[in-house]
Amino acid sequence: MKAEQISVFLENRAGRLAEVTHVLAEAGVNVRALSLADTSDFGILRMIVCDNAKAQAILKEKGFTLGRTSVVAVEVADRPGGLDEVLQLVSSHGINVEYMYAFIQRERDAILIFRFDKVDLAVEVLKKNNFTIIPADVLCRM
């Protein structure tokens, strides 16, 4: 029930992000969720895309440095305290959230993408406590 995230390492300069989005657009790869973090020298673009193999191949071909990471997409109640319920639960089981970002859509509760330090344990704990984990293939059909 994990999803694969692609991380693209980018030089921190004007236009570099646009190069990535242009390559993906030309290849017909849809980006469903993303997060961009930066330092003074480089940025990390984290993405959930609808065709990982195609995205990875085309980005590598264009010279981008990539990484792959297992993340968990969790449906969270879109109300005050919804996120806190997830965070309190995983925290109580000694699971650390390394980072997270939102996956926005209509007519559903919020979907958050989490990178946990103990991914398998997090999935187990969340499922046991009736949280909906969204599989990777379902993310692109939403």
Protein backbone atom coordinates (compact mmCIF):
# COMPACT_ATOMS: atom_id res chain seq x y z
CA MET A 1 0.00 0.00 0.00
CA LYS A 2 2.97 2.27 -0.41
CA ALA A 3 3.37 4.72 -3.26
CA GLU A 4 6.60 5.44 -5.10
CA GLN A 5 7.79 9.01 -5.11
CA ILE A 6 10.37 10.37 -7.52
CA SER A 7 12.84 12.91 -6.14
CA VAL A 8 14.63 15.17 -8.60
CA PHE A 9 17.70 17.03 -7.42
CA LEU A 10 17.88 20.49 -8.98
CA GLU A 11 20.44 23.24 -9.04
CA ASN A 12 18.96 26.28 -7.35
CA ARG A 13 18.76 28.50 -10.45
CA ALA A 14 16.03 30.16 -12.49
CA GLY A 15 14.28 27.89 -14.97
CA ARG A 16 15.49 24.54 -13.64
CA LEU A 17 12.07 23.55 -12.27
CA ALA A 18 10.46 24.59 -15.56
CA GLU A 19 12.84 22.24 -17.38
CA VAL A 20 11.50 19.30 -15.35
CA THR A 21 7.86 20.18 -15.89
CA HIS A 22 8.46 20.74 -19.60
CA VAL A 23 10.14 17.34 -20.03
CA LEU A 24 7.26 15.62 -18.22
CA ALA A 25 4.60 17.56 -20.14
CA GLU A 26 6.17 16.68 -23.49
CA ALA A 27 6.29 13.01 -22.44
CA GLY A 28 2.61 13.09 -21.40
CA VAL A 29 3.35 12.32 -17.75
CA ASN A 30 0.80 13.71 -15.30
CA VAL A 31 2.04 15.01 -11.95
CA ARG A 32 -0.51 14.28 -9.21
CA ALA A 33 1.28 15.74 -6.18
CA LEU A 34 4.53 17.54 -5.57
CA SER A 35 6.66 19.34 -3.06
CA LEU A 36 9.71 21.51 -3.59
CA ALA A 37 12.27 22.18 -0.85
CA ASP A 38 15.44 24.13 -1.31
CA THR A 39 18.74 25.08 0.21
CA SER A 40 21.07 27.80 -1.02
CA ASP A 41 22.68 25.40 -3.52
CA PHE A 42 20.05 22.91 -4.64
CA GLY A 43 16.42 21.91 -4.42
CA ILE A 44 14.62 18.61 -4.07
CA LEU A 45 11.47 18.19 -6.13
CA ARG A 46 9.39 15.33 -4.78
CA MET A 47 6.61 14.06 -7.03
CA ILE A 48 3.93 11.45 -7.36
CA VAL A 49 3.45 10.88 -11.09
CA CYS A 50 1.13 8.65 -13.07
CA ASP A 51 3.84 6.79 -14.99
CA ASN A 52 6.92 6.35 -12.82
CA ALA A 53 8.89 4.28 -15.32
CA LYS A 54 8.34 6.74 -18.15
CA ALA A 55 9.05 9.77 -15.95
CA GLN A 56 12.26 8.26 -14.58
CA ALA A 57 13.50 7.21 -18.01
CA ILE A 58 12.90 10.58 -19.66
CA LEU A 59 14.31 12.59 -16.76
CA LYS A 60 17.45 10.43 -16.60
CA GLU A 61 17.82 10.75 -20.37
CA LYS A 62 17.73 14.54 -19.95
CA GLY A 63 20.47 14.39 -17.33
CA PHE A 64 18.53 14.87 -14.11
CA THR A 65 19.67 13.15 -10.92
CA LEU A 66 16.84 11.11 -9.42
CA GLY A 67 15.95 9.20 -6.31
CA ARG A 68 13.02 6.93 -5.46
CA THR A 69 11.33 6.74 -2.10
CA SER A 70 8.40 4.83 -0.64
CA VAL A 71 5.74 7.13 0.74
CA VAL A 72 2.24 6.61 2.11
CA ALA A 73 -0.85 8.40 0.84
CA VAL A 74 -3.37 8.68 3.68
CA GLU A 75 -6.91 9.97 3.49
CA VAL A 76 -7.35 12.40 6.37
CA ALA A 77 -10.57 14.02 7.56
CA ASP A 78 -10.74 17.55 6.14
CA ARG A 79 -11.69 19.22 9.42
CA PRO A 80 -9.93 20.73 12.40
CA GLY A 81 -7.96 17.97 14.12
CA GLY A 82 -7.92 15.57 11.15
CA LEU A 83 -4.18 15.81 10.65
CA ASP A 84 -3.56 15.79 14.39
CA GLU A 85 -5.28 12.38 14.69
CA VAL A 86 -2.80 10.85 12.26
CA LEU A 87 0.20 12.55 13.85
CA GLN A 88 -0.78 11.60 17.41
CA LEU A 89 -1.31 7.98 16.33
CA VAL A 90 2.01 7.52 14.54
CA SER A 91 3.88 9.45 17.22
CA SER A 92 2.46 7.19 19.92
CA HIS A 93 3.98 4.23 18.05
CA GLY A 94 7.43 5.83 17.79
CA ILE A 95 7.07 6.62 14.08
CA ASN A 96 8.67 9.81 12.83
CA VAL A 97 7.30 11.91 9.99
CA GLU A 98 10.32 12.92 7.93
CA TYR A 99 8.20 15.14 5.65
CA MET A 100 4.72 15.41 4.20
CA TYR A 101 2.74 17.28 1.58
CA ALA A 102 -0.86 17.49 0.42
CA PHE A 103 -2.64 15.88 -2.49
CA ILE A 104 -5.62 18.07 -3.36
CA GLN A 105 -8.81 16.81 -4.98
CA ARG A 106 -12.52 17.46 -5.01
CA GLU A 107 -15.29 15.60 -3.25
CA ARG A 108 -13.05 13.66 -0.85
CA ASP A 109 -11.29 14.27 2.39
CA ALA A 110 -7.71 15.51 2.23
CA ILE A 111 -5.02 13.13 1.06
CA LEU A 112 -1.61 13.63 2.58
CA ILE A 113 1.62 12.10 1.35
CA PHE A 114 3.84 11.05 4.25
CA ARG A 115 7.44 9.91 4.36
CA PHE A 116 7.76 7.93 7.57
CA ASP A 117 10.98 6.58 9.04
CA LYS A 118 9.20 3.24 9.62
CA VAL A 119 7.02 2.96 6.51
CA ASP A 120 5.75 -0.59 6.98
CA LEU A 121 4.90 -0.04 10.64
CA ALA A 122 3.12 3.21 9.78
CA VAL A 123 0.95 1.45 7.18
CA GLU A 124 0.12 -1.31 9.66
CA VAL A 125 -0.79 1.12 12.46
CA LEU A 126 -2.86 3.38 10.21
CA LYS A 127 -4.82 0.50 8.69
CA LYS A 128 -5.43 -1.04 12.12
CA ASN A 129 -6.91 2.30 13.20
CA ASN A 130 -9.22 2.56 10.16
CA PHE A 131 -7.33 5.15 8.15
CA THR A 132 -7.62 4.74 4.40
CA ILE A 133 -4.32 4.20 2.63
CA ILE A 134 -4.54 5.10 -1.05
CA PRO A 135 -2.50 2.75 -3.28
CA ALA A 136 -0.26 4.27 -5.94
CA ASP A 137 -2.37 3.12 -8.88
CA VAL A 138 -5.52 4.65 -7.38
CA LEU A 139 -3.90 8.08 -6.94
CA CYS A 140 -3.81 8.58 -10.69
CA ARG A 141 -7.43 7.56 -11.16
CA MET A 142 -8.69 10.12 -8.66
